[in-house]
Amino acid sequence: MLITHRIRAYIKQQNTPLSRLLYRVAKWFVYGQLPDLAWIYRPIYVLYRLASFTLQRLLNIFLYLPMLQARLEHYSPGLSLENGFPLIQGPIKIYIGNNTCLNGALSIHGHPDSGCCEIRMGENCYIGWQTGISVGRKVLIGDNVMIAGRTSINAHSGHSPGLDRYQPPVMADLVIEDDVWICTGVNIVKPVTIGRGSVVASGCVVTKDVPPNVLFAGNPGKVVRMLRGDE
């Protein structure tokens, strides 16, 4: 560290050919780049992506999926994972239906005050990147449910206002019925029921039950319109 400090001081304080050369070298080291060598680096990039994909698939087949299946309450045929292994914490039982896909950047948390809680996901579901699910008593997710990334699902009232005034959170059930589509960045901030076939728009804050077959949007969320059968 002392040597590098002296070199920096020399470059700043001297006006000699050596100091100017050192300055140009340091500037290139920090900001410089090679000329256009795409003809060399394009095949290197392709090989890098192929190796990364192959390694990820091998980890999924031989490590991540078997570990997740071992954590479930029953074997889930057709279960698939994207991008690693999800974070699972707390006293929670997990049931997942057939042909469901989870992103590895998913977190599932069972509240320790619940004693033992559970989450049930149906068949043909997808839960996206950076989604967090906090379980109170039960979180029930139906079949064919699509949950986009950065969704926050909270099935209990949260922690008390201070450690000196601890009160257990109110535990409840949260239900997402069949064929629901929850778009990116939705916040479900209390136990609710989201009705069958509804769409919850991006950025919506859900604080009350959502009727079936509606477009639900806003902060706080409200029914925008009914959905037709072909939508």
Protein backbone atom coordinates (compact mmCIF):
# COMPACT_ATOMS: atom_id res chain seq x y z
CA MET A 1 0.00 0.00 0.00
CA LEU A 2 2.88 2.39 0.79
CA ILE A 3 4.49 1.74 -2.61
CA THR A 4 1.26 2.40 -4.50
CA HIS A 5 0.72 5.58 -2.50
CA ARG A 6 4.18 6.81 -3.45
CA ILE A 7 3.61 5.99 -7.11
CA ARG A 8 0.32 7.92 -7.12
CA ALA A 9 1.99 10.89 -5.42
CA TYR A 10 4.84 10.82 -7.97
CA ILE A 11 2.44 10.75 -10.93
CA LYS A 12 0.44 13.69 -9.52
CA GLN A 13 3.37 15.88 -8.44
CA GLN A 14 6.00 15.34 -11.16
CA ASN A 15 6.05 16.57 -14.74
CA THR A 16 8.53 14.17 -16.28
CA PRO A 17 8.32 11.75 -19.24
CA LEU A 18 8.20 8.85 -16.78
CA SER A 19 5.33 10.34 -14.77
CA ARG A 20 3.39 11.09 -17.96
CA LEU A 21 3.96 7.53 -19.18
CA LEU A 22 2.82 6.10 -15.86
CA TYR A 23 -0.28 8.32 -16.00
CA ARG A 24 -1.19 7.07 -19.50
CA VAL A 25 -0.65 3.45 -18.43
CA ALA A 26 -2.77 3.90 -15.29
CA LYS A 27 -5.52 5.65 -17.25
CA TRP A 28 -5.60 2.85 -19.83
CA PHE A 29 -5.66 0.25 -17.05
CA VAL A 30 -8.72 1.91 -15.47
CA TYR A 31 -10.64 3.06 -18.57
CA GLY A 32 -9.05 1.39 -21.56
CA GLN A 33 -10.22 -1.49 -23.69
CA LEU A 34 -8.96 -3.61 -26.55
CA PRO A 35 -9.80 -2.75 -30.17
CA ASP A 36 -12.63 -4.52 -31.96
CA LEU A 37 -11.75 -8.21 -31.76
CA ALA A 38 -15.23 -9.63 -32.17
CA TRP A 39 -13.98 -12.30 -34.57
CA ILE A 40 -11.91 -13.69 -31.69
CA TYR A 41 -14.24 -13.13 -28.75
CA ARG A 42 -17.54 -14.13 -30.38
CA PRO A 43 -16.67 -17.86 -30.45
CA ILE A 44 -15.18 -17.50 -26.94
CA TYR A 45 -18.49 -16.02 -25.76
CA VAL A 46 -20.45 -18.85 -27.42
CA LEU A 47 -18.25 -21.44 -25.70
CA TYR A 48 -18.63 -19.59 -22.38
CA ARG A 49 -22.44 -19.58 -22.66
CA LEU A 50 -22.47 -23.25 -23.66
CA ALA A 51 -20.26 -24.20 -20.73
CA SER A 52 -22.37 -22.11 -18.32
CA PHE A 53 -25.61 -23.69 -19.56
CA THR A 54 -24.16 -27.20 -19.35
CA LEU A 55 -22.88 -26.62 -15.81
CA GLN A 56 -26.23 -25.16 -14.72
CA ARG A 57 -28.16 -28.11 -16.17
CA LEU A 58 -25.85 -30.63 -14.46
CA LEU A 59 -26.22 -28.82 -11.14
CA ASN A 60 -30.01 -28.78 -11.55
CA ILE A 61 -30.19 -32.49 -12.43
CA PHE A 62 -27.76 -33.86 -9.87
CA LEU A 63 -27.89 -31.35 -6.99
CA TYR A 64 -30.56 -28.61 -6.87
CA LEU A 65 -33.63 -30.61 -7.98
CA PRO A 66 -32.88 -33.67 -5.80
CA MET A 67 -32.31 -31.40 -2.77
CA LEU A 68 -35.59 -29.55 -3.42
CA GLN A 69 -37.52 -32.81 -3.92
CA ALA A 70 -36.08 -34.04 -0.60
CA ARG A 71 -37.36 -30.87 1.10
CA LEU A 72 -40.93 -31.36 -0.18
CA GLU A 73 -43.60 -33.39 1.58
CA HIS A 74 -44.03 -35.57 -1.52
CA TYR A 75 -42.27 -36.18 -4.82
CA SER A 76 -43.31 -33.72 -7.53
CA PRO A 77 -43.15 -35.12 -11.10
CA GLY A 78 -42.12 -32.59 -13.72
CA LEU A 79 -40.79 -30.07 -11.20
CA SER A 80 -38.19 -27.74 -12.73
CA LEU A 81 -35.84 -25.06 -11.43
CA GLU A 82 -34.31 -22.00 -13.05
CA ASN A 83 -31.13 -20.28 -11.83
CA GLY A 84 -30.16 -22.14 -8.71
CA PHE A 85 -31.77 -23.21 -5.46
CA PRO A 86 -34.54 -21.23 -3.67
CA LEU A 87 -34.16 -19.93 -0.12
CA ILE A 88 -36.47 -21.82 2.26
CA GLN A 89 -36.66 -20.93 5.95
CA GLY A 90 -38.91 -21.63 8.93
CA PRO A 91 -41.19 -24.46 10.05
CA ILE A 92 -43.01 -24.94 6.76
CA LYS A 93 -44.42 -27.88 4.83
CA ILE A 94 -44.23 -27.54 1.05
CA TYR A 95 -46.43 -29.29 -1.50
CA ILE A 96 -45.91 -28.69 -5.23
CA GLY A 97 -48.01 -30.07 -8.08
CA ASN A 98 -46.84 -31.61 -11.32
CA ASN A 99 -45.01 -29.63 -14.01
CA THR A 100 -44.44 -26.52 -11.91
CA CYS A 101 -41.39 -24.31 -12.44
CA LEU A 102 -39.69 -22.25 -9.73
CA ASN A 103 -36.99 -19.66 -10.17
CA GLY A 104 -33.98 -20.23 -7.92
CA ALA A 105 -34.05 -16.60 -6.76
CA LEU A 106 -37.30 -17.36 -4.90
CA SER A 107 -37.65 -17.21 -1.12
CA ILE A 108 -40.25 -19.03 0.99
CA HIS A 109 -40.45 -18.17 4.68
CA GLY A 110 -42.63 -19.87 7.27
CA HIS A 111 -43.15 -17.61 10.27
CA PRO A 112 -41.62 -19.24 13.39
CA ASP A 113 -44.61 -18.24 15.55
CA SER A 114 -46.92 -20.31 13.35
CA GLY A 115 -45.67 -23.58 14.85
CA CYS A 116 -46.01 -25.34 11.53
CA CYS A 117 -47.43 -23.77 8.40
CA GLU A 118 -47.72 -24.93 4.81
CA ILE A 119 -47.69 -23.77 1.21
CA ARG A 120 -49.44 -25.71 -1.55
CA MET A 121 -48.83 -24.98 -5.22
CA GLY A 122 -50.94 -26.57 -7.92
CA GLU A 123 -49.99 -28.00 -11.29
CA ASN A 124 -48.51 -26.11 -14.25
CA CYS A 125 -47.54 -23.06 -12.20
CA TYR A 126 -44.64 -20.67 -12.62
CA ILE A 127 -43.11 -18.49 -9.89
CA GLY A 128 -40.63 -15.92 -11.11
CA TRP A 129 -37.38 -14.26 -10.17
CA GLN A 130 -36.95 -12.56 -6.75
CA THR A 131 -40.44 -13.44 -5.57
CA GLY A 132 -40.85 -13.69 -1.80
CA ILE A 133 -43.60 -15.67 -0.05
CA SER A 134 -44.14 -15.26 3.71
CA VAL A 135 -46.50 -17.90 5.10
CA GLY A 136 -48.71 -17.45 8.16
CA ARG A 137 -50.95 -20.53 8.39
CA LYS A 138 -51.42 -21.55 4.77
CA VAL A 139 -50.71 -20.21 1.31
CA LEU A 140 -52.77 -22.05 -1.28
CA ILE A 141 -51.90 -21.54 -4.95
CA GLY A 142 -54.15 -23.19 -7.53
CA ASP A 143 -53.42 -24.72 -10.94
CA ASN A 144 -52.09 -22.77 -13.94
CA VAL A 145 -51.03 -19.78 -11.84
CA MET A 146 -48.36 -17.46 -13.27
CA ILE A 147 -46.52 -15.24 -10.75
CA ALA A 148 -44.03 -12.87 -12.32
CA GLY A 149 -40.77 -11.66 -10.78
CA ARG A 150 -40.36 -9.36 -7.78
CA THR A 151 -43.75 -10.24 -6.36
CA SER A 152 -44.17 -10.04 -2.59
CA ILE A 153 -46.77 -12.28 -0.94
CA ASN A 154 -47.37 -11.81 2.80
CA ALA A 155 -49.82 -14.09 4.58
CA HIS A 156 -49.46 -12.64 8.07
CA SER A 157 -49.58 -9.20 9.69
CA GLY A 158 -45.79 -8.85 10.08
CA HIS A 159 -43.67 -8.19 13.14
CA SER A 160 -44.63 -6.05 16.14
CA PRO A 161 -43.55 -2.38 16.30
CA GLY A 162 -40.68 -2.96 18.76
CA LEU A 163 -38.75 -5.70 20.52
CA ASP A 164 -39.86 -4.37 23.92
CA ARG A 165 -43.53 -4.68 22.93
CA TYR A 166 -43.51 -8.02 21.19
CA GLN A 167 -46.86 -9.28 19.97
CA PRO A 168 -47.24 -12.38 17.78
CA PRO A 169 -48.41 -11.50 14.26
CA VAL A 170 -51.92 -12.38 13.16
CA MET A 171 -51.69 -15.61 11.17
CA ALA A 172 -54.14 -16.28 8.36
CA ASP A 173 -54.64 -18.10 5.06
CA LEU A 174 -53.88 -16.62 1.66
CA VAL A 175 -55.51 -18.14 -1.41
CA ILE A 176 -54.67 -17.67 -5.09
CA GLU A 177 -57.21 -19.60 -7.15
CA ASP A 178 -56.75 -21.33 -10.52
CA ASP A 179 -55.69 -19.53 -13.72
CA VAL A 180 -54.55 -16.33 -12.00
CA TRP A 181 -51.84 -14.15 -13.56
CA ILE A 182 -49.89 -11.93 -11.17
CA CYS A 183 -47.69 -9.48 -13.07
CA THR A 184 -44.28 -8.04 -12.15
CA GLY A 185 -43.75 -6.22 -8.86
CA VAL A 186 -47.12 -6.92 -7.20
CA ASN A 187 -47.29 -6.54 -3.40
CA ILE A 188 -49.87 -8.61 -1.54
CA VAL A 189 -49.65 -7.07 1.90
CA LYS A 190 -52.25 -8.99 3.90
CA PRO A 191 -54.09 -12.33 3.75
CA VAL A 192 -56.54 -12.20 0.84
CA THR A 193 -58.22 -14.40 -1.74
CA ILE A 194 -57.49 -13.74 -5.42
CA GLY A 195 -60.34 -15.11 -7.49
CA ARG A 196 -60.09 -17.56 -10.36
CA GLY A 197 -59.01 -16.20 -13.74
CA SER A 198 -58.10 -12.70 -12.53
CA VAL A 199 -55.11 -10.62 -13.64
CA VAL A 200 -53.28 -8.45 -11.09
CA ALA A 201 -51.45 -5.66 -12.93
CA SER A 202 -47.78 -4.72 -12.46
CA GLY A 203 -47.02 -2.69 -9.35
CA CYS A 204 -50.43 -3.30 -7.80
CA VAL A 205 -50.76 -3.29 -4.00
CA VAL A 206 -53.36 -5.86 -2.97
CA THR A 207 -55.00 -5.12 0.38
CA LYS A 208 -58.40 -6.79 -0.14
CA ASP A 209 -59.95 -9.79 -1.85
CA VAL A 210 -59.89 -9.85 -5.66
CA PRO A 211 -63.08 -11.09 -7.38
CA PRO A 212 -62.88 -13.77 -10.10
CA ASN A 213 -62.23 -12.80 -13.73
CA VAL A 214 -61.27 -9.16 -13.24
CA LEU A 215 -58.34 -6.88 -14.04
CA PHE A 216 -57.12 -5.57 -10.68
CA ALA A 217 -54.68 -2.63 -10.59
CA GLY A 218 -53.51 0.41 -8.65
CA ASN A 219 -52.30 1.39 -5.18
CA PRO A 220 -54.36 0.43 -3.31
CA GLY A 221 -55.64 -2.09 -5.84
CA LYS A 222 -59.16 -1.95 -7.21
CA VAL A 223 -61.21 -3.62 -9.94
CA VAL A 224 -60.59 -1.91 -13.28
CA ARG A 225 -62.93 -4.02 -15.39
CA MET A 226 -64.28 -7.52 -15.90
CA LEU A 227 -62.38 -9.85 -18.21
CA ARG A 228 -64.01 -11.51 -21.16
CA GLY A 229 -63.65 -15.25 -21.69
CA ASP A 230 -61.13 -14.86 -24.56
CA GLU A 231 -58.74 -12.61 -22.58
